[in-house]
Amino acid sequence: MIVERVLLTGVLVVLGALVFALARQSHVWRLNRVARVAQVAETAVPGLPTLLYFRRDGCAACPTQARYLDQVVERWNGRVIIRKIDADAEPETAAQFGVFTLPTILVMDNMGHVRQINYGLTHTQKLIQQLERLSR
C-alpha cells in the first residue's frame, strides 16, 4: 500500500514537471510564431542577446532579481542588453508577451527570437548558462 502511494506520487510529480516544461516551450513557440518580439527586437543592439525583465514596484522578489541581473551585466561586460519593463506602466507589453507572474525574464537571441522564459526569481548562474547556450 505504501509502495503504491509512493510510486503514484512519483509518477504525478514527473507528469507535472513534463506538463510545465511543455507549457513553457509552447509559450516560446507562440511568441516566436506570432512575431510579437518585433518591437523589442528593434530596440536591441544587432548581434547581442537581450533579456526582457518584467517587473513592478510592489514585487517582493524583483529587487533580488535586479541584483542578479546586475551580476549578469558585470560578467557579460557589455555583451548583453537588459530591457527592464514595468508591468504596471506597460501592461499592454506584458500582456503581449503573455507575462502572468513577476518577475519574468525572456531570453532573446541576437535576432530577437525568444529562446527561454524564466518565471519567477532566476539565479545569476542560470541566466549566464542560458546566454552561453545562445553563443554556441
N, C-alpha and C. Protein backbone atom coordinates (compact mmCIF):
# COMPACT_ATOMS: atom_id res chain seq x y z
N MET A 1 0.82 -1.19 0.00
CA MET A 1 0.00 0.00 0.00
C MET A 1 0.86 1.26 0.00
N ILE A 2 1.88 1.31 0.85
CA ILE A 2 2.75 2.49 0.91
C ILE A 2 3.57 2.60 -0.37
N VAL A 3 4.04 1.48 -0.87
CA VAL A 3 4.84 1.48 -2.10
C VAL A 3 4.01 2.01 -3.26
N GLU A 4 2.76 1.61 -3.33
CA GLU A 4 1.88 2.09 -4.39
C GLU A 4 1.69 3.60 -4.31
N ARG A 5 1.51 4.12 -3.12
CA ARG A 5 1.33 5.57 -2.94
C ARG A 5 2.58 6.34 -3.32
N VAL A 6 3.73 5.82 -2.93
CA VAL A 6 5.00 6.47 -3.28
C VAL A 6 5.19 6.46 -4.79
N LEU A 7 4.91 5.33 -5.41
CA LEU A 7 5.03 5.20 -6.85
C LEU A 7 4.07 6.16 -7.56
N LEU A 8 2.84 6.22 -7.11
CA LEU A 8 1.84 7.11 -7.70
C LEU A 8 2.27 8.57 -7.54
N THR A 9 2.78 8.94 -6.37
CA THR A 9 3.26 10.30 -6.14
C THR A 9 4.40 10.63 -7.08
N GLY A 10 5.33 9.71 -7.25
CA GLY A 10 6.46 9.92 -8.16
C GLY A 10 6.00 10.13 -9.59
N VAL A 11 5.05 9.31 -10.03
CA VAL A 11 4.51 9.44 -11.38
C VAL A 11 3.84 10.80 -11.56
N LEU A 12 3.06 11.23 -10.57
CA LEU A 12 2.39 12.53 -10.66
C LEU A 12 3.38 13.69 -10.68
N VAL A 13 4.46 13.61 -9.92
CA VAL A 13 5.48 14.66 -9.93
C VAL A 13 6.14 14.74 -11.30
N VAL A 14 6.52 13.61 -11.85
CA VAL A 14 7.15 13.59 -13.16
C VAL A 14 6.19 14.12 -14.22
N LEU A 15 4.94 13.70 -14.16
CA LEU A 15 3.94 14.17 -15.10
C LEU A 15 3.74 15.69 -14.99
N GLY A 16 3.68 16.20 -13.78
CA GLY A 16 3.54 17.64 -13.57
C GLY A 16 4.73 18.42 -14.13
N ALA A 17 5.94 17.92 -13.91
CA ALA A 17 7.13 18.58 -14.45
C ALA A 17 7.12 18.58 -15.97
N LEU A 18 6.67 17.49 -16.56
CA LEU A 18 6.59 17.39 -18.02
C LEU A 18 5.57 18.37 -18.58
N VAL A 19 4.41 18.46 -17.95
CA VAL A 19 3.38 19.40 -18.39
C VAL A 19 3.88 20.84 -18.29
N PHE A 20 4.57 21.18 -17.20
CA PHE A 20 5.11 22.53 -17.05
C PHE A 20 6.14 22.83 -18.14
N ALA A 21 7.04 21.89 -18.42
CA ALA A 21 8.06 22.10 -19.45
C ALA A 21 7.41 22.27 -20.82
N LEU A 22 6.41 21.48 -21.12
CA LEU A 22 5.72 21.61 -22.40
C LEU A 22 4.97 22.94 -22.51
N ALA A 23 4.37 23.38 -21.42
CA ALA A 23 3.65 24.66 -21.43
C ALA A 23 4.62 25.82 -21.66
N ARG A 24 5.79 25.76 -21.02
CA ARG A 24 6.78 26.83 -21.20
C ARG A 24 7.30 26.83 -22.64
N GLN A 25 7.58 25.67 -23.20
CA GLN A 25 8.06 25.60 -24.58
C GLN A 25 6.98 26.06 -25.55
N SER A 26 5.74 25.72 -25.27
CA SER A 26 4.63 26.17 -26.11
C SER A 26 4.53 27.69 -26.10
N HIS A 27 4.76 28.29 -24.94
CA HIS A 27 4.75 29.75 -24.82
C HIS A 27 5.84 30.36 -25.70
N VAL A 28 7.03 29.77 -25.69
CA VAL A 28 8.14 30.26 -26.53
C VAL A 28 7.77 30.14 -28.00
N TRP A 29 7.23 29.01 -28.41
CA TRP A 29 6.86 28.81 -29.82
C TRP A 29 5.80 29.82 -30.26
N ARG A 30 4.80 30.05 -29.39
CA ARG A 30 3.74 31.00 -29.72
C ARG A 30 4.30 32.40 -29.90
N LEU A 31 5.17 32.82 -28.99
CA LEU A 31 5.75 34.16 -29.10
C LEU A 31 6.53 34.33 -30.39
N ASN A 32 7.30 33.35 -30.77
CA ASN A 32 8.10 33.45 -31.98
C ASN A 32 7.25 33.33 -33.24
N ARG A 33 6.22 32.51 -33.22
CA ARG A 33 5.36 32.32 -34.39
C ARG A 33 4.55 33.58 -34.69
N VAL A 34 4.06 34.22 -33.67
CA VAL A 34 3.22 35.40 -33.85
C VAL A 34 4.07 36.64 -34.10
N ALA A 35 5.37 36.52 -33.90
CA ALA A 35 6.32 37.62 -34.13
C ALA A 35 6.01 38.83 -33.27
N ARG A 36 5.67 38.59 -32.03
CA ARG A 36 5.38 39.68 -31.10
C ARG A 36 6.64 40.38 -30.64
N VAL A 37 7.77 39.82 -30.92
CA VAL A 37 9.02 40.38 -30.42
C VAL A 37 9.56 41.48 -31.32
N ALA A 38 8.89 41.79 -32.41
CA ALA A 38 9.41 42.75 -33.38
C ALA A 38 9.69 44.11 -32.75
N GLN A 39 8.79 44.62 -31.91
CA GLN A 39 9.00 45.94 -31.33
C GLN A 39 10.20 45.96 -30.40
N VAL A 40 10.49 44.87 -29.72
CA VAL A 40 11.62 44.81 -28.83
C VAL A 40 12.90 44.58 -29.61
N ALA A 41 12.81 43.76 -30.65
CA ALA A 41 13.99 43.47 -31.46
C ALA A 41 14.53 44.75 -32.09
N GLU A 42 13.66 45.70 -32.40
CA GLU A 42 14.10 46.97 -32.98
C GLU A 42 14.95 47.78 -32.00
N THR A 43 14.71 47.63 -30.70
CA THR A 43 15.46 48.40 -29.71
C THR A 43 16.76 47.73 -29.31
N ALA A 44 16.92 46.47 -29.69
CA ALA A 44 18.12 45.72 -29.31
C ALA A 44 19.29 46.10 -30.21
N VAL A 45 20.47 45.91 -29.70
CA VAL A 45 21.68 46.13 -30.48
C VAL A 45 21.90 44.88 -31.33
N PRO A 46 22.04 45.03 -32.65
CA PRO A 46 22.23 43.85 -33.50
C PRO A 46 23.45 43.04 -33.06
N GLY A 47 23.26 41.74 -33.01
CA GLY A 47 24.36 40.84 -32.65
C GLY A 47 24.48 40.57 -31.16
N LEU A 48 23.64 41.19 -30.33
CA LEU A 48 23.70 40.97 -28.89
C LEU A 48 22.41 40.34 -28.38
N PRO A 49 22.52 39.38 -27.46
CA PRO A 49 21.31 38.83 -26.86
C PRO A 49 20.64 39.86 -25.96
N THR A 50 19.34 39.69 -25.75
CA THR A 50 18.56 40.63 -24.95
C THR A 50 17.80 39.87 -23.87
N LEU A 51 17.80 40.42 -22.67
CA LEU A 51 16.97 39.90 -21.59
C LEU A 51 15.85 40.89 -21.35
N LEU A 52 14.61 40.45 -21.51
CA LEU A 52 13.46 41.29 -21.17
C LEU A 52 13.08 40.95 -19.74
N TYR A 53 13.19 41.93 -18.87
CA TYR A 53 12.94 41.74 -17.45
C TYR A 53 11.65 42.44 -17.08
N PHE A 54 10.58 41.66 -16.87
CA PHE A 54 9.29 42.21 -16.48
C PHE A 54 9.24 42.26 -14.96
N ARG A 55 8.90 43.45 -14.44
CA ARG A 55 8.91 43.70 -13.01
C ARG A 55 7.82 44.71 -12.67
N ARG A 56 7.71 45.03 -11.39
CA ARG A 56 6.87 46.15 -10.94
C ARG A 56 7.34 46.55 -9.55
N ASP A 57 6.93 47.72 -9.10
CA ASP A 57 7.40 48.24 -7.83
C ASP A 57 6.97 47.42 -6.62
N GLY A 58 5.79 46.86 -6.62
CA GLY A 58 5.30 46.11 -5.47
C GLY A 58 5.74 44.66 -5.43
N CYS A 59 6.57 44.25 -6.35
CA CYS A 59 7.03 42.86 -6.44
C CYS A 59 8.08 42.58 -5.37
N ALA A 60 7.84 41.57 -4.54
CA ALA A 60 8.76 41.26 -3.44
C ALA A 60 10.09 40.69 -3.93
N ALA A 61 10.07 39.90 -4.99
CA ALA A 61 11.29 39.25 -5.47
C ALA A 61 12.06 40.10 -6.48
N CYS A 62 11.47 41.17 -6.97
CA CYS A 62 12.10 41.97 -8.03
C CYS A 62 13.42 42.64 -7.62
N PRO A 63 13.58 43.16 -6.40
CA PRO A 63 14.89 43.71 -6.03
C PRO A 63 16.01 42.67 -6.05
N THR A 64 15.70 41.46 -5.62
CA THR A 64 16.70 40.39 -5.68
C THR A 64 17.02 40.06 -7.13
N GLN A 65 15.99 39.99 -7.97
CA GLN A 65 16.22 39.70 -9.39
C GLN A 65 17.06 40.80 -10.03
N ALA A 66 16.84 42.04 -9.64
CA ALA A 66 17.64 43.15 -10.18
C ALA A 66 19.11 42.98 -9.82
N ARG A 67 19.39 42.53 -8.61
CA ARG A 67 20.80 42.28 -8.21
C ARG A 67 21.41 41.16 -9.05
N TYR A 68 20.63 40.11 -9.30
CA TYR A 68 21.12 39.01 -10.14
C TYR A 68 21.42 39.51 -11.56
N LEU A 69 20.56 40.38 -12.07
CA LEU A 69 20.79 40.92 -13.41
C LEU A 69 22.03 41.82 -13.44
N ASP A 70 22.27 42.57 -12.37
CA ASP A 70 23.50 43.38 -12.29
C ASP A 70 24.73 42.48 -12.36
N GLN A 71 24.66 41.32 -11.72
CA GLN A 71 25.79 40.38 -11.77
C GLN A 71 25.97 39.83 -13.18
N VAL A 72 24.88 39.60 -13.89
CA VAL A 72 24.97 39.14 -15.29
C VAL A 72 25.66 40.20 -16.14
N VAL A 73 25.26 41.46 -15.94
CA VAL A 73 25.87 42.55 -16.70
C VAL A 73 27.37 42.64 -16.42
N GLU A 74 27.75 42.49 -15.15
CA GLU A 74 29.18 42.51 -14.79
C GLU A 74 29.95 41.41 -15.50
N ARG A 75 29.41 40.20 -15.48
CA ARG A 75 30.13 39.06 -16.07
C ARG A 75 30.13 39.10 -17.59
N TRP A 76 29.07 39.60 -18.19
CA TRP A 76 28.99 39.63 -19.64
C TRP A 76 29.54 40.92 -20.22
N ASN A 77 29.83 41.92 -19.40
CA ASN A 77 30.57 43.12 -19.77
C ASN A 77 30.19 43.69 -21.13
N GLY A 78 28.96 44.14 -21.26
CA GLY A 78 28.54 44.81 -22.49
C GLY A 78 28.15 43.89 -23.63
N ARG A 79 28.10 42.59 -23.40
CA ARG A 79 27.74 41.66 -24.46
C ARG A 79 26.28 41.21 -24.36
N VAL A 80 25.49 41.89 -23.54
CA VAL A 80 24.07 41.56 -23.38
C VAL A 80 23.31 42.86 -23.12
N ILE A 81 22.09 42.92 -23.64
CA ILE A 81 21.19 44.06 -23.41
C ILE A 81 20.13 43.60 -22.41
N ILE A 82 19.88 44.42 -21.41
CA ILE A 82 18.80 44.13 -20.46
C ILE A 82 17.78 45.25 -20.56
N ARG A 83 16.57 44.88 -20.91
CA ARG A 83 15.49 45.86 -21.01
C ARG A 83 14.52 45.60 -19.87
N LYS A 84 14.43 46.57 -18.96
CA LYS A 84 13.53 46.45 -17.82
C LYS A 84 12.17 47.02 -18.21
N ILE A 85 11.14 46.23 -18.00
CA ILE A 85 9.79 46.63 -18.37
C ILE A 85 8.91 46.58 -17.12
N ASP A 86 8.39 47.73 -16.74
CA ASP A 86 7.48 47.82 -15.60
C ASP A 86 6.10 47.36 -16.05
N ALA A 87 5.64 46.25 -15.52
CA ALA A 87 4.37 45.66 -15.95
C ALA A 87 3.19 46.57 -15.61
N ASP A 88 3.31 47.43 -14.59
CA ASP A 88 2.24 48.37 -14.26
C ASP A 88 2.20 49.53 -15.25
N ALA A 89 3.38 50.01 -15.65
CA ALA A 89 3.46 51.14 -16.58
C ALA A 89 3.20 50.72 -18.03
N GLU A 90 3.51 49.46 -18.37
CA GLU A 90 3.35 48.96 -19.73
C GLU A 90 2.55 47.65 -19.72
N PRO A 91 1.29 47.70 -19.28
CA PRO A 91 0.51 46.45 -19.19
C PRO A 91 0.26 45.81 -20.55
N GLU A 92 0.18 46.61 -21.60
CA GLU A 92 -0.05 46.04 -22.92
C GLU A 92 1.16 45.23 -23.40
N THR A 93 2.37 45.66 -23.03
CA THR A 93 3.57 44.91 -23.39
C THR A 93 3.62 43.60 -22.62
N ALA A 94 3.31 43.66 -21.33
CA ALA A 94 3.28 42.43 -20.52
C ALA A 94 2.24 41.45 -21.06
N ALA A 95 1.08 41.95 -21.44
CA ALA A 95 0.04 41.08 -22.00
C ALA A 95 0.47 40.52 -23.35
N GLN A 96 1.13 41.35 -24.14
CA GLN A 96 1.59 40.92 -25.46
C GLN A 96 2.56 39.74 -25.37
N PHE A 97 3.39 39.74 -24.32
CA PHE A 97 4.34 38.66 -24.13
C PHE A 97 3.82 37.55 -23.22
N GLY A 98 2.57 37.64 -22.82
CA GLY A 98 1.97 36.58 -22.02
C GLY A 98 2.54 36.46 -20.63
N VAL A 99 2.96 37.56 -20.04
CA VAL A 99 3.55 37.54 -18.70
C VAL A 99 2.42 37.40 -17.68
N PHE A 100 2.50 36.37 -16.83
CA PHE A 100 1.47 36.15 -15.83
C PHE A 100 2.03 36.10 -14.42
N THR A 101 3.33 36.20 -14.25
CA THR A 101 3.94 36.23 -12.94
C THR A 101 5.15 37.15 -12.97
N LEU A 102 5.46 37.75 -11.84
CA LEU A 102 6.62 38.65 -11.77
C LEU A 102 7.56 38.17 -10.68
N PRO A 103 8.84 38.27 -10.88
CA PRO A 103 9.50 38.69 -12.11
C PRO A 103 9.46 37.59 -13.17
N THR A 104 9.50 38.01 -14.42
CA THR A 104 9.62 37.11 -15.57
C THR A 104 10.74 37.64 -16.45
N ILE A 105 11.60 36.74 -16.91
CA ILE A 105 12.69 37.14 -17.81
C ILE A 105 12.61 36.31 -19.07
N LEU A 106 12.55 36.99 -20.22
CA LEU A 106 12.60 36.34 -21.51
C LEU A 106 14.01 36.50 -22.05
N VAL A 107 14.61 35.40 -22.45
CA VAL A 107 15.96 35.41 -23.02
C VAL A 107 15.79 35.36 -24.53
N MET A 108 16.27 36.42 -25.21
CA MET A 108 16.14 36.53 -26.66
C MET A 108 17.53 36.45 -27.30
N ASP A 109 17.59 35.79 -28.44
CA ASP A 109 18.86 35.70 -29.15
C ASP A 109 19.15 37.01 -29.88
N ASN A 110 20.25 37.05 -30.62
CA ASN A 110 20.65 38.29 -31.29
C ASN A 110 19.76 38.64 -32.48
N MET A 111 18.84 37.76 -32.85
CA MET A 111 17.90 38.03 -33.93
C MET A 111 16.52 38.44 -33.40
N GLY A 112 16.37 38.49 -32.08
CA GLY A 112 15.10 38.89 -31.48
C GLY A 112 14.11 37.76 -31.26
N HIS A 113 14.57 36.51 -31.36
CA HIS A 113 13.69 35.36 -31.11
C HIS A 113 13.81 34.93 -29.65
N VAL A 114 12.67 34.67 -29.03
CA VAL A 114 12.65 34.21 -27.64
C VAL A 114 13.17 32.78 -27.61
N ARG A 115 14.16 32.53 -26.75
CA ARG A 115 14.74 31.19 -26.63
C ARG A 115 14.42 30.54 -25.29
N GLN A 116 14.26 31.34 -24.24
CA GLN A 116 13.95 30.82 -22.90
C GLN A 116 13.00 31.77 -22.20
N ILE A 117 12.18 31.22 -21.33
CA ILE A 117 11.32 32.03 -20.46
C ILE A 117 11.57 31.56 -19.04
N ASN A 118 11.84 32.50 -18.15
CA ASN A 118 12.06 32.20 -16.74
C ASN A 118 10.97 32.87 -15.92
N TYR A 119 10.11 32.05 -15.33
CA TYR A 119 9.04 32.55 -14.48
C TYR A 119 9.56 32.61 -13.05
N GLY A 120 9.37 33.73 -12.39
CA GLY A 120 9.81 33.86 -11.01
C GLY A 120 11.29 34.21 -10.92
N LEU A 121 11.79 34.17 -9.71
CA LEU A 121 13.19 34.52 -9.44
C LEU A 121 14.13 33.55 -10.14
N THR A 122 15.09 34.10 -10.91
CA THR A 122 16.04 33.28 -11.66
C THR A 122 17.44 33.68 -11.26
N HIS A 123 18.22 32.73 -10.79
CA HIS A 123 19.57 32.99 -10.29
C HIS A 123 20.52 33.38 -11.42
N THR A 124 21.55 34.12 -11.05
CA THR A 124 22.57 34.60 -11.99
C THR A 124 23.15 33.46 -12.82
N GLN A 125 23.50 32.37 -12.17
CA GLN A 125 24.17 31.27 -12.88
C GLN A 125 23.28 30.68 -13.97
N LYS A 126 21.98 30.56 -13.70
CA LYS A 126 21.07 30.02 -14.71
C LYS A 126 20.99 30.96 -15.90
N LEU A 127 20.90 32.26 -15.65
CA LEU A 127 20.85 33.23 -16.75
C LEU A 127 22.13 33.19 -17.58
N ILE A 128 23.26 33.07 -16.92
CA ILE A 128 24.54 33.01 -17.64
C ILE A 128 24.60 31.74 -18.49
N GLN A 129 24.14 30.62 -17.95
CA GLN A 129 24.12 29.38 -18.73
C GLN A 129 23.23 29.52 -19.96
N GLN A 130 22.09 30.17 -19.81
CA GLN A 130 21.20 30.36 -20.94
C GLN A 130 21.84 31.26 -22.00
N LEU A 131 22.53 32.31 -21.56
CA LEU A 131 23.21 33.19 -22.50
C LEU A 131 24.36 32.47 -23.21
N GLU A 132 25.08 31.64 -22.48
CA GLU A 132 26.19 30.89 -23.09
C GLU A 132 25.68 29.91 -24.15
N ARG A 133 24.51 29.32 -23.91
CA ARG A 133 23.92 28.42 -24.92
C ARG A 133 23.59 29.17 -26.20
N LEU A 134 23.21 30.44 -26.07
CA LEU A 134 22.91 31.24 -27.26
C LEU A 134 24.16 31.51 -28.09
N SER A 135 25.30 31.63 -27.45
CA SER A 135 26.52 32.00 -28.16
C SER A 135 27.22 30.81 -28.79
N ARG A 136 26.70 29.62 -28.62
CA ARG A 136 27.32 28.43 -29.23
C ARG A 136 26.98 28.31 -30.67
